[in-house]
Protein backbone atom coordinates (compact mmCIF):
# COMPACT_ATOMS: atom_id res chain seq x y z
CA UNK A 1 17.88 -8.28 0.17
CA UNK A 2 14.49 -10.03 -0.28
CA UNK A 3 13.51 -10.25 3.41
CA UNK A 4 14.49 -7.92 6.20
CA UNK A 5 16.37 -9.38 9.19
CA UNK A 6 14.29 -9.91 12.32
CA UNK A 7 16.56 -7.68 14.38
CA UNK A 8 15.91 -4.60 12.27
CA UNK A 9 13.86 -1.93 14.01
CA UNK A 10 14.51 0.81 11.45
CA UNK A 11 13.72 -0.62 8.02
CA UNK A 12 14.64 2.31 5.76
CA UNK A 13 11.25 2.30 4.01
CA UNK A 14 10.26 5.85 4.94
CA UNK A 15 6.82 4.62 5.98
CA UNK A 16 6.03 5.41 9.65
CA UNK A 17 5.45 2.34 11.82
CA UNK A 18 5.58 1.21 15.44
CA UNK A 19 8.76 -0.81 15.10
CA UNK A 20 10.43 0.97 18.03
CA UNK A 21 8.22 -1.21 20.23
CA UNK A 22 10.22 -4.23 19.03
CA UNK A 23 13.49 -2.80 20.31
CA UNK A 24 14.77 -5.19 23.01
CA UNK A 25 15.84 -4.05 26.45
CA UNK A 26 19.16 -2.23 26.58
CA UNK A 27 22.27 -4.30 27.36
CA UNK A 28 23.09 -4.12 31.10
CA UNK A 29 25.98 -1.74 30.55
CA UNK A 30 23.72 0.70 28.68
CA UNK A 31 20.53 0.40 30.77
CA UNK A 32 19.40 3.71 32.21
CA UNK A 33 15.87 2.93 33.35
CA UNK A 34 15.62 2.61 37.13
CA UNK A 35 13.71 -0.30 38.61
CA UNK A 36 11.14 1.92 40.32
CA UNK A 37 10.24 3.82 37.13
CA UNK A 38 6.53 3.76 36.33
CA UNK A 39 6.81 3.16 32.61
CA UNK A 40 3.23 4.18 31.91
CA UNK A 41 3.77 7.54 33.60
CA UNK A 42 6.69 8.51 31.37
CA UNK A 43 5.77 11.06 28.69
CA UNK A 44 5.64 10.25 24.99
CA UNK A 45 7.77 12.42 22.67
CA UNK A 46 5.70 15.28 21.21
CA UNK A 47 4.36 14.49 17.77
CA UNK A 48 4.29 16.86 14.81
CA UNK A 49 2.24 15.21 12.01
CA UNK A 50 2.87 18.12 9.66
CA UNK A 51 6.45 18.86 10.71
CA UNK A 52 7.98 21.43 8.35
CA UNK A 53 11.47 20.25 9.30
CA UNK A 54 10.64 16.76 8.07
CA UNK A 55 9.29 18.16 4.81
CA UNK A 56 12.42 20.25 4.26
CA UNK A 57 14.75 17.30 4.78
CA UNK A 58 12.71 14.41 3.39
CA UNK A 59 10.63 16.05 0.70
CA UNK A 60 6.99 17.03 0.42
CA UNK A 61 6.01 14.07 -1.72
CA UNK A 62 6.66 10.60 -0.34
CA UNK A 63 8.63 12.14 2.54
CA UNK A 64 10.78 9.22 3.70
CA UNK A 65 11.58 8.17 0.13
CA UNK A 66 13.89 11.17 -0.20
CA UNK A 67 16.42 9.36 1.97
CA UNK A 68 16.86 5.93 0.46
CA UNK A 69 19.07 4.20 2.97
CA UNK A 70 21.25 1.39 1.71
CA UNK A 71 21.52 -1.97 3.46
CA UNK A 72 24.78 -1.03 5.19
CA UNK A 73 23.29 2.21 6.54
CA UNK A 74 20.20 0.39 7.82
CA UNK A 75 22.41 -2.21 9.53
CA UNK A 76 24.45 0.44 11.34
CA UNK A 77 21.42 2.52 12.37
CA UNK A 78 19.97 -0.62 13.95
CA UNK A 79 23.27 -1.42 15.66
CA UNK A 80 23.22 2.05 17.23
CA UNK A 81 19.60 1.59 18.33
CA UNK A 82 20.22 -1.86 19.88
CA UNK A 83 23.48 -0.91 21.60
CA UNK A 84 22.31 2.58 22.68
CA UNK A 85 25.39 4.14 21.15
CA UNK A 86 25.78 7.39 19.16
CA UNK A 87 26.02 7.08 15.38
CA UNK A 88 28.93 9.09 13.97
CA UNK A 89 28.36 9.96 10.29
CA UNK A 90 31.28 11.20 8.21
CA UNK A 91 31.27 12.34 4.62
CA UNK A 92 31.54 15.28 2.28
CA UNK A 93 29.17 18.24 2.72
CA UNK A 94 25.80 17.81 1.05
CA UNK A 95 25.72 14.00 1.00
CA UNK A 96 22.64 13.74 3.24
CA UNK A 97 24.25 13.01 6.60
CA UNK A 98 21.85 15.05 8.72
CA UNK A 99 18.88 13.79 6.69
CA UNK A 100 19.34 10.32 8.17
CA UNK A 101 18.34 11.60 11.62
CA UNK A 102 15.07 12.96 10.20
CA UNK A 103 14.43 9.72 8.31
CA UNK A 104 14.79 7.62 11.48
CA UNK A 105 12.64 9.97 13.58
CA UNK A 106 9.95 10.04 10.87
CA UNK A 107 9.81 6.28 10.29
CA UNK A 108 9.94 5.26 13.97
CA UNK A 109 7.60 8.06 15.14
CA UNK A 110 10.10 9.42 17.65
CA UNK A 111 8.91 13.03 17.53
CA UNK A 112 10.64 16.14 16.21
CA UNK A 113 14.40 15.93 15.80
CA UNK A 114 16.32 17.87 18.43
CA UNK A 115 19.06 19.63 16.44
CA UNK A 116 22.21 21.12 17.94
CA UNK A 117 24.36 22.96 15.39
CA UNK A 118 27.97 23.04 16.57
CA UNK A 119 30.35 25.98 16.16
CA UNK A 120 33.91 26.60 17.35
CA UNK A 121 32.43 28.31 20.44
CA UNK A 122 30.02 25.52 21.44
CA UNK A 123 30.34 24.07 24.94
CA UNK A 124 28.68 21.09 26.60
CA UNK A 125 26.57 23.40 28.78
CA UNK A 126 25.11 25.03 25.65
CA UNK A 127 23.52 21.73 24.72
CA UNK A 128 22.37 20.88 28.25
CA UNK A 129 20.70 24.08 29.43
CA UNK A 130 20.83 27.87 29.54
CA UNK A 131 20.21 30.06 32.57
CA UNK A 132 19.38 33.76 32.38
CA UNK A 133 20.80 34.89 35.73
CA UNK A 134 20.86 38.55 34.67
CA UNK A 135 17.18 38.48 33.73
CA UNK A 136 16.27 36.88 37.05
CA UNK A 137 18.18 39.51 39.06
CA UNK A 138 16.64 42.28 36.99
CA UNK A 139 13.12 41.02 37.65
CA UNK A 140 13.90 40.59 41.37
CA UNK A 141 15.02 44.22 41.48
CA UNK A 142 11.83 45.40 39.81
CA UNK A 143 9.78 43.54 42.38
CA UNK A 144 11.65 45.05 45.31
CA UNK A 145 13.30 48.32 44.19
CA UNK A 146 15.84 49.66 46.68
CA UNK A 147 15.11 47.02 49.31
CA UNK A 148 16.85 43.79 50.17
CA UNK A 149 14.20 42.92 52.80
CA UNK A 150 10.43 43.08 52.92
CA UNK A 151 8.42 45.16 55.38
CA UNK A 152 8.51 42.47 58.05
CA UNK A 153 12.32 42.26 57.91
CA UNK A 154 12.50 39.00 55.98
CA UNK A 155 14.32 38.50 52.68
CA UNK A 156 11.84 38.69 49.78
CA UNK A 157 11.23 35.52 47.77
CA UNK A 158 13.11 35.66 44.43
CA UNK A 159 11.24 35.08 41.17
CA UNK A 160 10.65 31.43 40.22
CA UNK A 161 14.04 30.27 38.88
CA UNK A 162 12.46 27.89 36.38
CA UNK A 163 11.20 30.84 34.34
CA UNK A 164 14.79 31.78 33.58
CA UNK A 165 16.11 28.33 32.70
CA UNK A 166 15.49 26.23 29.60
CA UNK A 167 16.89 22.94 28.41
CA UNK A 168 18.99 22.72 25.26
CA UNK A 169 18.69 19.96 22.64
CA UNK A 170 20.93 17.53 24.55
CA UNK A 171 19.25 18.32 27.87
CA UNK A 172 15.80 17.77 26.34
CA UNK A 173 16.89 14.47 24.75
CA UNK A 174 18.02 13.22 28.20
CA UNK A 175 14.63 13.75 29.85
CA UNK A 176 12.95 10.46 30.88
CA UNK A 177 10.90 9.86 27.72
CA UNK A 178 9.02 6.60 27.20
CA UNK A 179 10.62 6.27 23.75
CA UNK A 180 14.08 7.54 22.73
CA UNK A 181 14.28 11.01 21.23
CA UNK A 182 16.40 11.68 18.13
CA UNK A 183 19.25 14.12 18.76
CA UNK A 184 21.23 15.52 15.82
CA UNK A 185 24.60 17.02 16.79
CA UNK A 186 25.50 18.64 13.50
CA UNK A 187 29.07 19.27 12.28
CA UNK A 188 30.87 18.20 15.42
CA UNK A 189 34.17 18.63 13.59
CA UNK A 190 33.74 22.42 14.00
CA UNK A 191 34.04 22.13 17.79
CA UNK A 192 37.18 22.77 19.82
CA UNK A 193 39.52 19.89 20.62
CA UNK A 194 38.05 19.11 24.07
CA UNK A 195 34.39 19.06 23.05
CA UNK A 196 34.11 15.36 22.00
CA UNK A 197 35.62 14.23 25.30
CA UNK A 198 33.28 16.58 27.19
CA UNK A 199 30.35 14.67 25.70
CA UNK A 200 31.65 11.29 26.89
CA UNK A 201 30.56 11.52 30.52
CA UNK A 202 27.02 12.51 29.58
CA UNK A 203 26.85 9.78 26.94
CA UNK A 204 28.08 7.19 29.44
CA UNK A 205 25.90 8.23 32.39
CA UNK A 206 22.78 9.40 30.54
CA UNK A 207 22.20 12.11 33.12
CA UNK A 208 23.35 15.50 34.38
CA UNK A 209 22.63 17.95 37.20
CA UNK A 210 21.58 21.60 36.92
CA UNK A 211 23.35 23.26 39.89
CA UNK A 212 21.03 26.29 39.93
CA UNK A 213 18.07 23.96 40.59
CA UNK A 214 19.93 21.47 42.80
CA UNK A 215 20.68 24.28 45.30
CA UNK A 216 16.94 24.68 45.91
CA UNK A 217 16.59 21.15 47.32
CA UNK A 218 14.50 18.18 46.23
CA UNK A 219 11.41 20.08 45.18
CA UNK A 220 10.18 20.24 41.59
CA UNK A 221 10.77 23.19 39.31
CA UNK A 222 9.12 23.83 35.95
CA UNK A 223 11.48 24.60 33.07
CA UNK A 224 11.09 25.00 29.31
CA UNK A 225 12.37 22.34 26.91
CA UNK A 226 13.82 22.72 23.43
CA UNK A 227 10.34 21.63 22.24
CA UNK A 228 8.96 24.80 23.91
CA UNK A 229 6.98 22.77 26.39
CA UNK A 230 7.14 22.86 30.19
CA UNK A 231 8.42 19.92 32.23
CA UNK A 232 9.05 19.43 35.93
CA UNK A 233 12.54 18.60 37.19
CA UNK A 234 13.04 17.33 40.74
CA UNK A 235 16.18 18.28 42.63
CA UNK A 236 17.88 19.63 39.53
CA UNK A 237 18.60 16.11 38.18
CA UNK A 238 17.84 15.09 34.59
CA UNK A 239 18.19 11.37 33.86
CA UNK A 240 17.05 9.51 30.76
CA UNK A 241 14.93 6.38 30.82
CA UNK A 242 15.82 5.59 27.20
CA UNK A 243 19.15 6.66 25.76
CA UNK A 244 18.41 8.96 22.81
CA UNK A 245 19.25 8.00 19.25
CA UNK A 246 22.19 10.37 18.76
CA UNK A 247 23.43 11.23 15.28
CA UNK A 248 26.74 13.11 15.11
CA UNK A 249 27.79 14.45 11.72
CA UNK A 250 31.29 15.35 10.59
CA UNK A 251 32.60 16.58 7.25
CA UNK A 252 35.65 14.37 7.83
CA UNK A 253 37.91 17.39 8.36
CA UNK A 254 39.50 16.27 11.65
CA UNK A 255 40.33 13.23 13.75
CA UNK A 256 38.57 12.40 17.02
CA UNK A 257 39.99 10.92 20.25
CA UNK A 258 40.03 7.11 20.47
CA UNK A 259 38.02 7.19 23.69
CA UNK A 260 35.29 9.02 21.80
CA UNK A 261 35.43 6.82 18.71
CA UNK A 262 35.17 3.55 20.63
CA UNK A 263 31.85 4.67 22.07
CA UNK A 264 30.36 5.42 18.65
CA UNK A 265 29.03 3.37 15.76
CA UNK A 266 30.79 4.84 12.72
CA UNK A 267 29.32 5.19 9.25
CA UNK A 268 30.83 6.91 6.23
CA UNK A 269 28.25 8.38 3.86
CA UNK A 270 29.42 8.31 0.26
CA UNK A 271 28.12 10.13 -2.79
CA UNK A 272 24.60 9.14 -3.87
CA UNK A 273 24.18 6.92 -6.90
CA UNK A 274 21.65 7.53 -9.67
CA UNK A 275 18.88 5.53 -7.98
CA UNK A 276 19.16 7.41 -4.70
CA UNK A 277 19.30 10.74 -6.47
CA UNK A 278 16.17 9.88 -8.42
CA UNK A 279 14.33 9.05 -5.18
CA UNK A 280 15.44 12.28 -3.54
CA UNK A 281 14.40 14.34 -6.57
CA UNK A 282 10.99 12.66 -6.81
CA UNK A 283 10.33 13.31 -3.11
CA UNK A 284 11.29 16.98 -3.28
CA UNK A 285 10.19 17.99 -6.78
CA UNK A 286 7.66 15.35 -7.82
CA UNK A 287 7.27 14.44 -11.51
CA UNK A 288 9.09 16.60 -14.06
CA UNK A 289 6.78 19.52 -14.93
CA UNK A 290 6.92 23.09 -16.19
CA UNK A 291 9.12 23.37 -19.26
CA UNK A 292 8.34 21.20 -22.27
CA UNK A 293 11.90 19.86 -21.99
CA UNK A 294 11.64 19.17 -18.23
CA UNK A 295 12.07 15.41 -18.60
CA UNK A 296 15.15 15.78 -20.81
CA UNK A 297 16.56 18.41 -18.46
CA UNK A 298 16.20 16.14 -15.44
CA UNK A 299 17.88 13.20 -17.13
CA UNK A 300 20.80 15.21 -18.50
CA UNK A 301 21.39 17.24 -15.34
CA UNK A 302 21.52 14.10 -13.19
CA UNK A 303 24.08 12.60 -15.60
CA UNK A 304 26.07 15.86 -15.60
CA UNK A 305 25.97 16.01 -11.78
CA UNK A 306 27.25 12.46 -11.40
CA UNK A 307 30.00 13.00 -13.98
CA UNK A 308 31.22 16.20 -12.32
CA UNK A 309 31.08 14.57 -8.90
CA UNK A 310 33.34 11.73 -10.11
CA UNK A 311 35.71 13.73 -12.27
CA UNK A 312 35.84 17.36 -11.20
CA UNK A 313 35.30 17.81 -7.46
CA UNK A 314 32.85 18.04 -4.58
CA UNK A 315 29.18 18.66 -5.32
CA UNK A 316 26.28 18.68 -2.86
CA UNK A 317 22.89 17.10 -3.48
CA UNK A 318 21.08 20.39 -2.93
CA UNK A 319 23.05 21.91 -5.82
CA UNK A 320 21.37 19.39 -8.12
CA UNK A 321 17.94 20.19 -6.64
CA UNK A 322 18.53 23.91 -7.28
CA UNK A 323 19.61 23.25 -10.86
CA UNK A 324 16.61 21.03 -11.59
CA UNK A 325 14.17 23.53 -10.10
CA UNK A 326 15.51 26.34 -12.29
CA UNK A 327 15.65 24.06 -15.36
CA UNK A 328 11.95 23.35 -14.95
CA UNK A 329 11.29 27.08 -14.71
CA UNK A 330 12.67 27.58 -18.21
CA UNK A 331 16.44 27.87 -17.97
CA UNK A 332 16.90 24.62 -19.88
CA UNK A 333 15.11 26.01 -22.93
CA UNK A 334 18.04 28.09 -24.20
CA UNK A 335 21.82 27.80 -24.22
CA UNK A 336 22.40 30.82 -21.96
CA UNK A 337 20.22 29.27 -19.28
CA UNK A 338 21.86 25.85 -19.62
CA UNK A 339 25.27 27.49 -19.22
CA UNK A 340 24.10 29.22 -16.03
CA UNK A 341 22.97 25.91 -14.58
CA UNK A 342 26.22 24.12 -15.41
CA UNK A 343 28.68 26.90 -14.60
CA UNK A 344 27.10 28.28 -11.44
CA UNK A 345 24.61 25.90 -9.84
CA UNK A 346 26.72 22.81 -10.59
CA UNK A 347 30.04 24.44 -9.77
CA UNK A 348 32.27 22.17 -7.60
CA UNK A 349 32.46 23.37 -4.01
CA UNK A 350 36.20 22.85 -3.75
CA UNK A 351 37.02 25.19 -6.65
CA UNK A 352 37.32 28.96 -6.52
């Protein structure tokens, strides 16, 4: 494509820009900002100019170039941004699904990615907030040992509840930020059967209530966010002003309910081609250095990786990075080392 469409906000260049300011207002059925919001008073997402997480995912040289999004991927990212809908990414392990979230956050300057890694035990509340009730009771007991009342007969004031409550990644993403946060819900296919449907109400309403704070009335309480910063919450209610850019990843190992799927923009991530692999390698490893045969090693290992991926089974991109790193440290210089790279570092994941 010679010119980018006018409606693109995310351009897939990897170069940070202020394009999020061009994002039009949300459609009426996905508008969460209340009319009395003071837009200028809303906080900006925290910025991390030297974010180690970005460097890990996008490479230390030419960061965004490590994820070279294709035209179809850019289209669907922008659809999710315009429509304020979650982006469901499916594909084999190691194909760069989670990296897309970091690429969007980096290019659109949306702050650190809020990552929620899903397990079979994950619940919706885990992502919204955690409350240390035991710790609060323990501290209250230390303040007033053996007494339920103070000297004047009144009930002693309990410790500030906000000190024992912190927002999870989803809860932090739903705070009223001036710009949308990026939320990565990683490997949702590991969750139990009810989990996707549990997310639907929060995704539709863009808000939730923390009962432990709501019981205290309409006053403000300070709590800790997943960014490790304090925010004030009034009346226990958390409501977004901008729906977050939500990326859900799945290794395509299960089916999801129709009600969940119809609320998502779906994108299948396929295996990387030679051009994308070369961009990823350049961003993470830079020019071929080290061994005298480093250039030859890089060319042949990329070809071997692509051949095995097509013919023999599942391979992850980080397996190729590991093999190239060790090749440039001398393993490519002798047959024993080359055999180690091929037989162990480039071993298909779906074979014993």
